[in-house]
Amino acid sequence: MLEMAGRRGALIVLEGADRAGKSTQARRLVEALIEQGYKAEGMRFPERTTEIGRLVGSYLEKKSNIEDHTVHLLFSANRWEHVPLIKEKLRNGVTLVVDRYAFSGVAFTSAKENFLCTGVRS
């Protein structure tokens, strides 16, 4: 087993299109890290167990109609509400393998037909 005392964990993020295999690769990476003696866990976003996460889930399942700018903020808030847990785990030497994070939020939001990105130049 590797000596892990005092080491901070790494934050590894897998981004990509739907059905590209991110979840499978994240799970395999966590398993490989654990086999090599690292403390590792998987996370995925949106994380739907919180109140904000349930709102996002409802939107994604087309059960609610939320304005585009609002849903963008909800996706962001869903990530922010997990920052304390993420920081704690990293401080405790746990490497987190995350299935989607901030870049997916930017990509999905900017792809929306009526979303206005002010201050962005082509």
PDB file of N, CA and C in Angstrom:
ATOM      1  N   MET A   1       0.846  -1.175   0.000  1.00  0.00           N
ATOM      2  CA  MET A   1       0.000   0.000   0.000  1.00  0.00           C
ATOM      3  C   MET A   1       0.897   1.246   0.000  1.00  0.00           C
ATOM      4  N   LEU A   2       0.502   2.246  -0.725  1.00  0.00           N
ATOM      5  CA  LEU A   2       1.268   3.491  -0.806  1.00  0.00           C
ATOM      6  C   LEU A   2       1.135   4.293   0.480  1.00  0.00           C
ATOM      7  N   GLU A   3       2.211   4.987   0.842  1.00  0.00           N
ATOM      8  CA  GLU A   3       2.175   5.863   2.018  1.00  0.00           C
ATOM      9  C   GLU A   3       1.410   7.129   1.645  1.00  0.00           C
ATOM     10  N   MET A   4       0.275   7.360   2.301  1.00  0.00           N
ATOM     11  CA  MET A   4      -0.586   8.478   1.931  1.00  0.00           C
ATOM     12  C   MET A   4      -0.686   9.537   3.017  1.00  0.00           C
ATOM     13  N   ALA A   5       0.044   9.376   4.129  1.00  0.00           N
ATOM     14  CA  ALA A   5      -0.072  10.317   5.249  1.00  0.00           C
ATOM     15  C   ALA A   5       0.263  11.728   4.792  1.00  0.00           C
ATOM     16  N   GLY A   6      -0.635  12.651   5.057  1.00  0.00           N
ATOM     17  CA  GLY A   6      -0.392  14.048   4.768  1.00  0.00           C
ATOM     18  C   GLY A   6      -0.553  14.450   3.316  1.00  0.00           C
ATOM     19  N   ARG A   7      -0.909  13.551   2.463  1.00  0.00           N
ATOM     20  CA  ARG A   7      -1.089  13.903   1.045  1.00  0.00           C
ATOM     21  C   ARG A   7      -2.510  14.347   0.774  1.00  0.00           C
ATOM     22  N   ARG A   8      -2.607  15.406   0.011  1.00  0.00           N
ATOM     23  CA  ARG A   8      -3.904  15.905  -0.408  1.00  0.00           C
ATOM     24  C   ARG A   8      -4.384  15.070  -1.596  1.00  0.00           C
ATOM     25  N   GLY A   9      -5.680  14.844  -1.670  1.00  0.00           N
ATOM     26  CA  GLY A   9      -6.229  14.110  -2.791  1.00  0.00           C
ATOM     27  C   GLY A   9      -6.263  14.967  -4.044  1.00  0.00           C
ATOM     28  N   ALA A  10      -6.435  14.329  -5.173  1.00  0.00           N
ATOM     29  CA  ALA A  10      -6.536  15.020  -6.456  1.00  0.00           C
ATOM     30  C   ALA A  10      -8.001  15.125  -6.861  1.00  0.00           C
ATOM     31  N   LEU A  11      -8.320  16.155  -7.624  1.00  0.00           N
ATOM     32  CA  LEU A  11      -9.655  16.316  -8.203  1.00  0.00           C
ATOM     33  C   LEU A  11      -9.523  16.033  -9.689  1.00  0.00           C
ATOM     34  N   ILE A  12     -10.082  14.915 -10.118  1.00  0.00           N
ATOM     35  CA  ILE A  12     -10.022  14.496 -11.516  1.00  0.00           C
ATOM     36  C   ILE A  12     -11.430  14.601 -12.086  1.00  0.00           C
ATOM     37  N   VAL A  13     -11.577  15.372 -13.162  1.00  0.00           N
ATOM     38  CA  VAL A  13     -12.897  15.606 -13.754  1.00  0.00           C
ATOM     39  C   VAL A  13     -12.936  15.009 -15.154  1.00  0.00           C
ATOM     40  N   LEU A  14     -13.972  14.229 -15.432  1.00  0.00           N
ATOM     41  CA  LEU A  14     -14.197  13.680 -16.762  1.00  0.00           C
ATOM     42  C   LEU A  14     -15.371  14.423 -17.389  1.00  0.00           C
ATOM     43  N   GLU A  15     -15.126  15.047 -18.516  1.00  0.00           N
ATOM     44  CA  GLU A  15     -16.156  15.782 -19.240  1.00  0.00           C
ATOM     45  C   GLU A  15     -16.353  15.118 -20.598  1.00  0.00           C
ATOM     46  N   GLY A  16     -17.525  15.273 -21.157  1.00  0.00           N
ATOM     47  CA  GLY A  16     -17.770  14.715 -22.481  1.00  0.00           C
ATOM     48  C   GLY A  16     -19.252  14.676 -22.787  1.00  0.00           C
ATOM     49  N   ALA A  17     -19.547  14.272 -23.993  1.00  0.00           N
ATOM     50  CA  ALA A  17     -20.924  14.216 -24.469  1.00  0.00           C
ATOM     51  C   ALA A  17     -21.705  13.119 -23.749  1.00  0.00           C
ATOM     52  N   ASP A  18     -23.033  13.229 -23.822  1.00  0.00           N
ATOM     53  CA  ASP A  18     -23.906  12.200 -23.257  1.00  0.00           C
ATOM     54  C   ASP A  18     -23.567  10.843 -23.886  1.00  0.00           C
ATOM     55  N   ARG A  19     -23.626   9.815 -23.066  1.00  0.00           N
ATOM     56  CA  ARG A  19     -23.435   8.426 -23.505  1.00  0.00           C
ATOM     57  C   ARG A  19     -22.039   8.162 -24.082  1.00  0.00           C
ATOM     58  N   ALA A  20     -21.049   8.957 -23.687  1.00  0.00           N
ATOM     59  CA  ALA A  20     -19.683   8.786 -24.191  1.00  0.00           C
ATOM     60  C   ALA A  20     -18.876   7.802 -23.344  1.00  0.00           C
ATOM     61  N   GLY A  21     -19.403   7.392 -22.197  1.00  0.00           N
ATOM     62  CA  GLY A  21     -18.703   6.444 -21.351  1.00  0.00           C
ATOM     63  C   GLY A  21     -18.013   7.066 -20.146  1.00  0.00           C
ATOM     64  N   LYS A  22     -18.363   8.295 -19.817  1.00  0.00           N
ATOM     65  CA  LYS A  22     -17.737   8.981 -18.672  1.00  0.00           C
ATOM     66  C   LYS A  22     -17.957   8.226 -17.364  1.00  0.00           C
ATOM     67  N   SER A  23     -19.173   7.802 -17.111  1.00  0.00           N
ATOM     68  CA  SER A  23     -19.480   7.109 -15.855  1.00  0.00           C
ATOM     69  C   SER A  23     -18.710   5.801 -15.754  1.00  0.00           C
ATOM     70  N   THR A  24     -18.640   5.066 -16.851  1.00  0.00           N
ATOM     71  CA  THR A  24     -17.897   3.803 -16.864  1.00  0.00           C
ATOM     72  C   THR A  24     -16.421   4.049 -16.604  1.00  0.00           C
ATOM     73  N   GLN A  25     -15.846   5.036 -17.288  1.00  0.00           N
ATOM     74  CA  GLN A  25     -14.427   5.329 -17.104  1.00  0.00           C
ATOM     75  C   GLN A  25     -14.140   5.860 -15.705  1.00  0.00           C
ATOM     76  N   ALA A  26     -15.046   6.662 -15.173  1.00  0.00           N
ATOM     77  CA  ALA A  26     -14.868   7.181 -13.810  1.00  0.00           C
ATOM     78  C   ALA A  26     -14.858   6.036 -12.813  1.00  0.00           C
ATOM     79  N   ARG A  27     -15.797   5.116 -12.950  1.00  0.00           N
ATOM     80  CA  ARG A  27     -15.860   3.961 -12.050  1.00  0.00           C
ATOM     81  C   ARG A  27     -14.587   3.119 -12.161  1.00  0.00           C
ATOM     82  N   ARG A  28     -14.116   2.889 -13.383  1.00  0.00           N
ATOM     83  CA  ARG A  28     -12.900   2.096 -13.587  1.00  0.00           C
ATOM     84  C   ARG A  28     -11.679   2.794 -12.982  1.00  0.00           C
ATOM     85  N   LEU A  29     -11.625   4.105 -13.124  1.00  0.00           N
ATOM     86  CA  LEU A  29     -10.494   4.851 -12.573  1.00  0.00           C
ATOM     87  C   LEU A  29     -10.492   4.781 -11.047  1.00  0.00           C
ATOM     88  N   VAL A  30     -11.650   4.947 -10.431  1.00  0.00           N
ATOM     89  CA  VAL A  30     -11.741   4.837  -8.972  1.00  0.00           C
ATOM     90  C   VAL A  30     -11.278   3.444  -8.533  1.00  0.00           C
ATOM     91  N   GLU A  31     -11.753   2.400  -9.206  1.00  0.00           N
ATOM     92  CA  GLU A  31     -11.350   1.030  -8.859  1.00  0.00           C
ATOM     93  C   GLU A  31      -9.841   0.854  -8.993  1.00  0.00           C
ATOM     94  N   ALA A  32      -9.255   1.379 -10.069  1.00  0.00           N
ATOM     95  CA  ALA A  32      -7.810   1.246 -10.293  1.00  0.00           C
ATOM     96  C   ALA A  32      -7.015   1.990  -9.224  1.00  0.00           C
ATOM     97  N   LEU A  33      -7.465   3.181  -8.870  1.00  0.00           N
ATOM     98  CA  LEU A  33      -6.772   3.951  -7.832  1.00  0.00           C
ATOM     99  C   LEU A  33      -6.808   3.223  -6.493  1.00  0.00           C
ATOM    100  N   ILE A  34      -7.966   2.669  -6.154  1.00  0.00           N
ATOM    101  CA  ILE A  34      -8.099   1.926  -4.895  1.00  0.00           C
ATOM    102  C   ILE A  34      -7.191   0.699  -4.911  1.00  0.00           C
ATOM    103  N   GLU A  35      -7.154  -0.003  -6.043  1.00  0.00           N
ATOM    104  CA  GLU A  35      -6.280  -1.186  -6.158  1.00  0.00           C
ATOM    105  C   GLU A  35      -4.814  -0.816  -5.959  1.00  0.00           C
ATOM    106  N   GLN A  36      -4.443   0.417  -6.329  1.00  0.00           N
ATOM    107  CA  GLN A  36      -3.051   0.868  -6.178  1.00  0.00           C
ATOM    108  C   GLN A  36      -2.784   1.469  -4.799  1.00  0.00           C
ATOM    109  N   GLY A  37      -3.783   1.435  -3.928  1.00  0.00           N
ATOM    110  CA  GLY A  37      -3.578   1.884  -2.562  1.00  0.00           C
ATOM    111  C   GLY A  37      -3.989   3.309  -2.266  1.00  0.00           C
ATOM    112  N   TYR A  38      -4.604   3.967  -3.211  1.00  0.00           N
ATOM    113  CA  TYR A  38      -5.073   5.338  -2.988  1.00  0.00           C
ATOM    114  C   TYR A  38      -6.478   5.320  -2.396  1.00  0.00           C
ATOM    115  N   LYS A  39      -6.787   6.363  -1.648  1.00  0.00           N
ATOM    116  CA  LYS A  39      -8.174   6.582  -1.228  1.00  0.00           C
ATOM    117  C   LYS A  39      -8.834   7.316  -2.394  1.00  0.00           C
ATOM    118  N   ALA A  40      -9.901   6.772  -2.915  1.00  0.00           N
ATOM    119  CA  ALA A  40     -10.559   7.377  -4.073  1.00  0.00           C
ATOM    120  C   ALA A  40     -12.061   7.147  -4.002  1.00  0.00           C
ATOM    121  N   GLU A  41     -12.784   8.130  -4.496  1.00  0.00           N
ATOM    122  CA  GLU A  41     -14.251   8.042  -4.556  1.00  0.00           C
ATOM    123  C   GLU A  41     -14.730   8.717  -5.832  1.00  0.00           C
ATOM    124  N   GLY A  42     -15.901   8.327  -6.269  1.00  0.00           N
ATOM    125  CA  GLY A  42     -16.519   8.948  -7.430  1.00  0.00           C
ATOM    126  C   GLY A  42     -17.610   9.918  -7.011  1.00  0.00           C
ATOM    127  N   MET A  43     -17.807  10.939  -7.834  1.00  0.00           N
ATOM    128  CA  MET A  43     -18.914  11.891  -7.688  1.00  0.00           C
ATOM    129  C   MET A  43     -19.441  12.160  -9.086  1.00  0.00           C
ATOM    130  N   ARG A  44     -20.681  12.621  -9.152  1.00  0.00           N
ATOM    131  CA  ARG A  44     -21.212  13.017 -10.456  1.00  0.00           C
ATOM    132  C   ARG A  44     -22.116  14.224 -10.288  1.00  0.00           C
ATOM    133  N   PHE A  45     -22.131  15.038 -11.308  1.00  0.00           N
ATOM    134  CA  PHE A  45     -22.996  16.217 -11.313  1.00  0.00           C
ATOM    135  C   PHE A  45     -23.849  16.216 -12.565  1.00  0.00           C
ATOM    136  N   PRO A  46     -25.087  16.673 -12.469  1.00  0.00           N
ATOM    137  CA  PRO A  46     -25.672  17.200 -11.254  1.00  0.00           C
ATOM    138  C   PRO A  46     -25.870  16.106 -10.206  1.00  0.00           C
ATOM    139  N   GLU A  47     -25.741  16.526  -8.964  1.00  0.00           N
ATOM    140  CA  GLU A  47     -25.904  15.634  -7.811  1.00  0.00           C
ATOM    141  C   GLU A  47     -27.338  15.851  -7.322  1.00  0.00           C
ATOM    142  N   ARG A  48     -28.199  14.888  -7.519  1.00  0.00           N
ATOM    143  CA  ARG A  48     -29.650  15.090  -7.399  1.00  0.00           C
ATOM    144  C   ARG A  48     -30.244  14.777  -6.025  1.00  0.00           C
ATOM    145  N   THR A  49     -29.432  14.602  -5.000  1.00  0.00           N
ATOM    146  CA  THR A  49     -29.991  14.264  -3.693  1.00  0.00           C
ATOM    147  C   THR A  49     -30.353  15.487  -2.853  1.00  0.00           C
ATOM    148  N   THR A  50     -29.902  16.660  -3.247  1.00  0.00           N
ATOM    149  CA  THR A  50     -30.205  17.882  -2.503  1.00  0.00           C
ATOM    150  C   THR A  50     -31.449  18.541  -3.081  1.00  0.00           C
ATOM    151  N   GLU A  51     -31.950  19.539  -2.389  1.00  0.00           N
ATOM    152  CA  GLU A  51     -33.123  20.260  -2.895  1.00  0.00           C
ATOM    153  C   GLU A  51     -32.825  20.896  -4.255  1.00  0.00           C
ATOM    154  N   ILE A  52     -31.668  21.527  -4.368  1.00  0.00           N
ATOM    155  CA  ILE A  52     -31.284  22.138  -5.650  1.00  0.00           C
ATOM    156  C   ILE A  52     -31.115  21.049  -6.703  1.00  0.00           C
ATOM    157  N   GLY A  53     -30.473  19.959  -6.326  1.00  0.00           N
ATOM    158  CA  GLY A  53     -30.283  18.850  -7.255  1.00  0.00           C
ATOM    159  C   GLY A  53     -31.594  18.264  -7.752  1.00  0.00           C
ATOM    160  N   ARG A  54     -32.589  18.216  -6.874  1.00  0.00           N
ATOM    161  CA  ARG A  54     -33.907  17.704  -7.288  1.00  0.00           C
ATOM    162  C   ARG A  54     -34.568  18.661  -8.285  1.00  0.00           C
ATOM    163  N   LEU A  55     -34.370  19.966  -8.103  1.00  0.00           N
ATOM    164  CA  LEU A  55     -34.895  20.933  -9.079  1.00  0.00           C
ATOM    165  C   LEU A  55     -34.239  20.730 -10.445  1.00  0.00           C
ATOM    166  N   VAL A  56     -32.922  20.547 -10.435  1.00  0.00           N
ATOM    167  CA  VAL A  56     -32.200  20.299 -11.683  1.00  0.00           C
ATOM    168  C   VAL A  56     -32.677  18.999 -12.310  1.00  0.00           C
ATOM    169  N   GLY A  57     -32.833  17.960 -11.497  1.00  0.00           N
ATOM    170  CA  GLY A  57     -33.311  16.680 -11.996  1.00  0.00           C
ATOM    171  C   GLY A  57     -34.686  16.784 -12.630  1.00  0.00           C
ATOM    172  N   SER A  58     -35.557  17.529 -11.991  1.00  0.00           N
ATOM    173  CA  SER A  58     -36.902  17.731 -12.529  1.00  0.00           C
ATOM    174  C   SER A  58     -36.842  18.419 -13.890  1.00  0.00           C
ATOM    175  N   TYR A  59     -35.968  19.395 -14.013  1.00  0.00           N
ATOM    176  CA  TYR A  59     -35.783  20.099 -15.287  1.00  0.00           C
ATOM    177  C   TYR A  59     -35.262  19.121 -16.351  1.00  0.00           C
ATOM    178  N   LEU A  60     -34.253  18.326 -16.007  1.00  0.00           N
ATOM    179  CA  LEU A  60     -33.661  17.396 -16.971  1.00  0.00           C
ATOM    180  C   LEU A  60     -34.638  16.308 -17.399  1.00  0.00           C
ATOM    181  N   GLU A  61     -35.549  15.949 -16.502  1.00  0.00           N
ATOM    182  CA  GLU A  61     -36.555  14.944 -16.828  1.00  0.00           C
ATOM    183  C   GLU A  61     -37.781  15.556 -17.496  1.00  0.00           C
ATOM    184  N   LYS A  62     -37.679  16.850 -17.808  1.00  0.00           N
ATOM    185  CA  LYS A  62     -38.753  17.600 -18.480  1.00  0.00           C
ATOM    186  C   LYS A  62     -40.054  17.604 -17.685  1.00  0.00           C
ATOM    187  N   LYS A  63     -39.929  17.552 -16.341  1.00  0.00           N
ATOM    188  CA  LYS A  63     -41.100  17.621 -15.464  1.00  0.00           C
ATOM    189  C   LYS A  63     -41.365  19.041 -15.008  1.00  0.00           C
ATOM    190  N   SER A  64     -40.403  19.937 -15.257  1.00  0.00           N
ATOM    191  CA  SER A  64     -40.608  21.340 -14.909  1.00  0.00           C
ATOM    192  C   SER A  64     -39.991  22.207 -15.999  1.00  0.00           C
ATOM    193  N   ASN A  65     -40.557  23.375 -16.161  1.00  0.00           N
ATOM    194  CA  ASN A  65     -40.091  24.312 -17.169  1.00  0.00           C
ATOM    195  C   ASN A  65     -39.434  25.483 -16.443  1.00  0.00           C
ATOM    196  N   ILE A  66     -38.102  25.496 -16.427  1.00  0.00           N
ATOM    197  CA  ILE A  66     -37.355  26.545 -15.744  1.00  0.00           C
ATOM    198  C   ILE A  66     -36.658  27.387 -16.799  1.00  0.00           C
ATOM    199  N   GLU A  67     -36.701  28.686 -16.629  1.00  0.00           N
ATOM    200  CA  GLU A  67     -36.063  29.625 -17.557  1.00  0.00           C
ATOM    201  C   GLU A  67     -34.568  29.311 -17.652  1.00  0.00           C
ATOM    202  N   ASP A  68     -33.991  29.477 -18.854  1.00  0.00           N
ATOM    203  CA  ASP A  68     -32.621  29.054 -19.132  1.00  0.00           C
ATOM    204  C   ASP A  68     -31.582  29.656 -18.184  1.00  0.00           C
ATOM    205  N   HIS A  69     -31.660  30.952 -17.915  1.00  0.00           N
ATOM    206  CA  HIS A  69     -30.691  31.587 -17.028  1.00  0.00           C
ATOM    207  C   HIS A  69     -30.813  31.036 -15.599  1.00  0.00           C
ATOM    208  N   THR A  70     -32.030  30.781 -15.195  1.00  0.00           N
ATOM    209  CA  THR A  70     -32.277  30.244 -13.855  1.00  0.00           C
ATOM    210  C   THR A  70     -31.710  28.844 -13.713  1.00  0.00           C
ATOM    211  N   VAL A  71     -31.925  28.004 -14.707  1.00  0.00           N
ATOM    212  CA  VAL A  71     -31.424  26.629 -14.620  1.00  0.00           C
ATOM    213  C   VAL A  71     -29.891  26.627 -14.650  1.00  0.00           C
ATOM    214  N   HIS A  72     -29.292  27.560 -15.387  1.00  0.00           N
ATOM    215  CA  HIS A  72     -27.830  27.676 -15.381  1.00  0.00           C
ATOM    216  C   HIS A  72     -27.334  27.957 -13.962  1.00  0.00           C
ATOM    217  N   LEU A  73     -28.008  28.873 -13.277  1.00  0.00           N
ATOM    218  CA  LEU A  73     -27.631  29.194 -11.898  1.00  0.00           C
ATOM    219  C   LEU A  73     -27.864  28.005 -10.958  1.00  0.00           C
ATOM    220  N   LEU A  74     -28.912  27.235 -11.204  1.00  0.00           N
ATOM    221  CA  LEU A  74     -29.165  26.049 -10.382  1.00  0.00           C
ATOM    222  C   LEU A  74     -28.071  24.995 -10.559  1.00  0.00           C
ATOM    223  N   PHE A  75     -27.628  24.790 -11.812  1.00  0.00           N
ATOM    224  CA  PHE A  75     -26.523  23.858 -12.048  1.00  0.00           C
ATOM    225  C   PHE A  75     -25.286  24.318 -11.285  1.00  0.00           C
ATOM    226  N   SER A  76     -24.992  25.602 -11.361  1.00  0.00           N
ATOM    227  CA  SER A  76     -23.833  26.155 -10.653  1.00  0.00           C
ATOM    228  C   SER A  76     -23.995  26.010  -9.141  1.00  0.00           C
ATOM    229  N   ALA A  77     -25.171  26.340  -8.632  1.00  0.00           N
ATOM    230  CA  ALA A  77     -25.426  26.225  -7.192  1.00  0.00           C
ATOM    231  C   ALA A  77     -25.294  24.780  -6.728  1.00  0.00           C
ATOM    232  N   ASN A  78     -25.696  23.833  -7.574  1.00  0.00           N
ATOM    233  CA  ASN A  78     -25.579  22.421  -7.233  1.00  0.00           C
ATOM    234  C   ASN A  78     -24.113  22.033  -7.031  1.00  0.00           C
ATOM    235  N   ARG A  79     -23.232  22.580  -7.852  1.00  0.00           N
ATOM    236  CA  ARG A  79     -21.801  22.314  -7.659  1.00  0.00           C
ATOM    237  C   ARG A  79     -21.286  23.020  -6.405  1.00  0.00           C
ATOM    238  N   TRP A  80     -21.665  24.295  -6.227  1.00  0.00           N
ATOM    239  CA  TRP A  80     -21.186  25.072  -5.085  1.00  0.00           C
ATOM    240  C   TRP A  80     -21.613  24.475  -3.753  1.00  0.00           C
ATOM    241  N   GLU A  81     -22.806  23.895  -3.686  1.00  0.00           N
ATOM    242  CA  GLU A  81     -23.243  23.346  -2.400  1.00  0.00           C
ATOM    243  C   GLU A  81     -22.415  22.135  -1.983  1.00  0.00           C
ATOM    244  N   HIS A  82     -21.650  21.573  -2.904  1.00  0.00           N
ATOM    245  CA  HIS A  82     -20.800  20.423  -2.586  1.00  0.00           C
ATOM    246  C   HIS A  82     -19.340  20.796  -2.357  1.00  0.00           C
ATOM    247  N   VAL A  83     -18.995  22.071  -2.523  1.00  0.00           N
ATOM    248  CA  VAL A  83     -17.606  22.496  -2.336  1.00  0.00           C
ATOM    249  C   VAL A  83     -17.069  22.161  -0.944  1.00  0.00           C
ATOM    250  N   PRO A  84     -17.808  22.402   0.147  1.00  0.00           N
ATOM    251  CA  PRO A  84     -17.253  22.031   1.460  1.00  0.00           C
ATOM    252  C   PRO A  84     -16.904  20.543   1.566  1.00  0.00           C
ATOM    253  N   LEU A  85     -17.769  19.675   1.062  1.00  0.00           N
ATOM    254  CA  LEU A  85     -17.502  18.237   1.082  1.00  0.00           C
ATOM    255  C   LEU A  85     -16.298  17.900   0.207  1.00  0.00           C
ATOM    256  N   ILE A  86     -16.224  18.495  -0.973  1.00  0.00           N
ATOM    257  CA  ILE A  86     -15.099  18.254  -1.878  1.00  0.00           C
ATOM    258  C   ILE A  86     -13.793  18.657  -1.206  1.00  0.00           C
ATOM    259  N   LYS A  87     -13.765  19.852  -0.613  1.00  0.00           N
ATOM    260  CA  LYS A  87     -12.547  20.325   0.049  1.00  0.00           C
ATOM    261  C   LYS A  87     -12.144  19.409   1.200  1.00  0.00           C
ATOM    262  N   GLU A  88     -13.127  18.980   1.978  1.00  0.00           N
ATOM    263  CA  GLU A  88     -12.847  18.089   3.109  1.00  0.00           C
ATOM    264  C   GLU A  88     -12.220  16.786   2.634  1.00  0.00           C
ATOM    265  N   LYS A  89     -12.822  16.190   1.611  1.00  0.00           N
ATOM    266  CA  LYS A  89     -12.307  14.920   1.104  1.00  0.00           C
ATOM    267  C   LYS A  89     -10.889  15.089   0.559  1.00  0.00           C
ATOM    268  N   LEU A  90     -10.648  16.156  -0.205  1.00  0.00           N
ATOM    269  CA  LEU A  90      -9.315  16.389  -0.755  1.00  0.00           C
ATOM    270  C   LEU A  90      -8.290  16.589   0.362  1.00  0.00           C
ATOM    271  N   ARG A  91      -8.666  17.367   1.385  1.00  0.00           N
ATOM    272  CA  ARG A  91      -7.767  17.580   2.534  1.00  0.00           C
ATOM    273  C   ARG A  91      -7.443  16.274   3.240  1.00  0.00           C
ATOM    274  N   ASN A  92      -8.396  15.354   3.247  1.00  0.00           N
ATOM    275  CA  ASN A  92      -8.212  14.062   3.913  1.00  0.00           C
ATOM    276  C   ASN A  92      -7.543  13.017   3.021  1.00  0.00           C
ATOM    277  N   GLY A  93      -7.030  13.466   1.882  1.00  0.00           N
ATOM    278  CA  GLY A  93      -6.271  12.564   1.017  1.00  0.00           C
ATOM    279  C   GLY A  93      -7.098  11.724   0.071  1.00  0.00           C
ATOM    280  N   VAL A  94      -8.371  12.022  -0.062  1.00  0.00           N
ATOM    281  CA  VAL A  94      -9.232  11.256  -0.968  1.00  0.00           C
ATOM    282  C   VAL A  94      -9.166  11.889  -2.357  1.00  0.00           C
ATOM    283  N   THR A  95      -8.832  11.090  -3.347  1.00  0.00           N
ATOM    284  CA  THR A  95      -8.882  11.545  -4.729  1.00  0.00           C
ATOM    285  C   THR A  95     -10.318  11.389  -5.209  1.00  0.00           C
ATOM    286  N   LEU A  96     -10.862  12.467  -5.762  1.00  0.00           N
ATOM    287  CA  LEU A  96     -12.236  12.443  -6.272  1.00  0.00           C
ATOM    288  C   LEU A  96     -12.218  12.381  -7.789  1.00  0.00           C
ATOM    289  N   VAL A  97     -12.933  11.434  -8.328  1.00  0.00           N
ATOM    290  CA  VAL A  97     -13.102  11.311  -9.770  1.00  0.00           C
ATOM    291  C   VAL A  97     -14.530  11.752 -10.054  1.00  0.00           C
ATOM    292  N   VAL A  98     -14.661  12.879 -10.761  1.00  0.00           N
ATOM    293  CA  VAL A  98     -15.957  13.521 -10.937  1.00  0.00           C
ATOM    294  C   VAL A  98     -16.450  13.373 -12.375  1.00  0.00           C
ATOM    295  N   ASP A  99     -17.654  12.845 -12.491  1.00  0.00           N
ATOM    296  CA  ASP A  99     -18.340  12.697 -13.771  1.00  0.00           C
ATOM    297  C   ASP A  99     -19.110  13.996 -14.006  1.00  0.00           C
ATOM    298  N   ARG A 100     -18.546  14.850 -14.817  1.00  0.00           N
ATOM    299  CA  ARG A 100     -19.061  16.184 -15.159  1.00  0.00           C
ATOM    300  C   ARG A 100     -18.857  17.174 -14.021  1.00  0.00           C
ATOM    301  N   TYR A 101     -18.485  18.400 -14.431  1.00  0.00           N
ATOM    302  CA  TYR A 101     -18.343  19.488 -13.460  1.00  0.00           C
ATOM    303  C   TYR A 101     -18.633  20.788 -14.184  1.00  0.00           C
ATOM    304  N   ALA A 102     -17.839  21.785 -14.002  1.00  0.00           N
ATOM    305  CA  ALA A 102     -18.161  23.130 -14.481  1.00  0.00           C
ATOM    306  C   ALA A 102     -18.182  23.257 -16.004  1.00  0.00           C
ATOM    307  N   PHE A 103     -17.274  22.604 -16.712  1.00  0.00           N
ATOM    308  CA  PHE A 103     -17.227  22.772 -18.160  1.00  0.00           C
ATOM    309  C   PHE A 103     -18.495  22.271 -18.843  1.00  0.00           C
ATOM    310  N   SER A 104     -19.082  21.206 -18.329  1.00  0.00           N
ATOM    311  CA  SER A 104     -20.346  20.725 -18.892  1.00  0.00           C
ATOM    312  C   SER A 104     -21.431  21.775 -18.741  1.00  0.00           C
ATOM    313  N   GLY A 105     -21.461  22.445 -17.593  1.00  0.00           N
ATOM    314  CA  GLY A 105     -22.448  23.500 -17.382  1.00  0.00           C
ATOM    315  C   GLY A 105     -22.316  24.614 -18.397  1.00  0.00           C
ATOM    316  N   VAL A 106     -21.096  25.023 -18.655  1.00  0.00           N
ATOM    317  CA  VAL A 106     -20.850  26.077 -19.649  1.00  0.00           C
ATOM    318  C   VAL A 106     -21.277  25.611 -21.033  1.00  0.00           C
ATOM    319  N   ALA A 107     -20.897  24.395 -21.396  1.00  0.00           N
ATOM    320  CA  ALA A 107     -21.218  23.878 -22.729  1.00  0.00           C
ATOM    321  C   ALA A 107     -22.722  23.753 -22.940  1.00  0.00           C
ATOM    322  N   PHE A 108     -23.422  23.165 -21.980  1.00  0.00           N
ATOM    323  CA  PHE A 108     -24.861  22.973 -22.146  1.00  0.00           C
ATOM    324  C   PHE A 108     -25.604  24.295 -22.160  1.00  0.00           C
ATOM    325  N   THR A 109     -25.192  25.221 -21.311  1.00  0.00           N
ATOM    326  CA  THR A 109     -25.868  26.511 -21.258  1.00  0.00           C
ATOM    327  C   THR A 109     -25.652  27.297 -22.534  1.00  0.00           C
ATOM    328  N   SER A 110     -24.423  27.344 -23.005  1.00  0.00           N
ATOM    329  CA  SER A 110     -24.145  28.143 -24.202  1.00  0.00           C
ATOM    330  C   SER A 110     -24.761  27.529 -25.453  1.00  0.00           C
ATOM    331  N   ALA A 111     -25.094  26.250 -25.404  1.00  0.00           N
ATOM    332  CA  ALA A 111     -25.730  25.601 -26.541  1.00  0.00           C
ATOM    333  C   ALA A 111     -27.232  25.895 -26.621  1.00  0.00           C
ATOM    334  N   LYS A 112     -27.794  26.441 -25.542  1.00  0.00           N
ATOM    335  CA  LYS A 112     -29.224  26.759 -25.548  1.00  0.00           C
ATOM    336  C   LYS A 112     -29.506  27.847 -26.586  1.00  0.00           C
ATOM    337  N   GLU A 113     -30.570  27.688 -27.329  1.00  0.00           N
ATOM    338  CA  GLU A 113     -30.892  28.571 -28.442  1.00  0.00           C
ATOM    339  C   GLU A 113     -31.083  30.030 -28.024  1.00  0.00           C
ATOM    340  N   ASN A 114     -31.770  30.263 -26.928  1.00  0.00           N
ATOM    341  CA  ASN A 114     -32.100  31.633 -26.542  1.00  0.00           C
ATOM    342  C   ASN A 114     -31.259  32.169 -25.393  1.00  0.00           C
ATOM    343  N   PHE A 115     -30.164  31.489 -25.067  1.00  0.00           N
ATOM    344  CA  PHE A 115     -29.339  31.937 -23.943  1.00  0.00           C
ATOM    345  C   PHE A 115     -28.414  33.041 -24.420  1.00  0.00           C
ATOM    346  N   LEU A 116     -28.436  34.149 -23.726  1.00  0.00           N
ATOM    347  CA  LEU A 116     -27.624  35.297 -24.091  1.00  0.00           C
ATOM    348  C   LEU A 116     -26.354  35.308 -23.261  1.00  0.00           C
ATOM    349  N   CYS A 117     -25.208  35.143 -23.905  1.00  0.00           N
ATOM    350  CA  CYS A 117     -23.913  35.202 -23.224  1.00  0.00           C
ATOM    351  C   CYS A 117     -23.316  36.585 -23.457  1.00  0.00           C
ATOM    352  N   THR A 118     -23.546  37.469 -22.539  1.00  0.00           N
ATOM    353  CA  THR A 118     -23.003  38.814 -22.692  1.00  0.00           C
ATOM    354  C   THR A 118     -21.523  38.822 -22.362  1.00  0.00           C
ATOM    355  N   GLY A 119     -20.775  39.606 -23.089  1.00  0.00           N
ATOM    356  CA  GLY A 119     -19.345  39.727 -22.847  1.00  0.00           C
ATOM    357  C   GLY A 119     -18.516  38.651 -23.521  1.00  0.00           C
ATOM    358  N   VAL A 120     -19.142  37.785 -24.306  1.00  0.00           N
ATOM    359  CA  VAL A 120     -18.410  36.739 -25.010  1.00  0.00           C
ATOM    360  C   VAL A 120     -18.250  37.164 -26.455  1.00  0.00           C
ATOM    361  N   ARG A 121     -17.028  37.093 -26.932  1.00  0.00           N
ATOM    362  CA  ARG A 121     -16.755  37.478 -28.324  1.00  0.00           C
ATOM    363  C   ARG A 121     -16.369  36.249 -29.128  1.00  0.00           C
ATOM    364  N   SER A 122     -16.757  36.258 -30.382  1.00  0.00           N
ATOM    365  CA  SER A 122     -16.388  35.120 -31.242  1.00  0.00           C
ATOM    366  C   SER A 122     -15.109  35.413 -31.981  1.00  0.00           C
TER     367      SER A 122
END
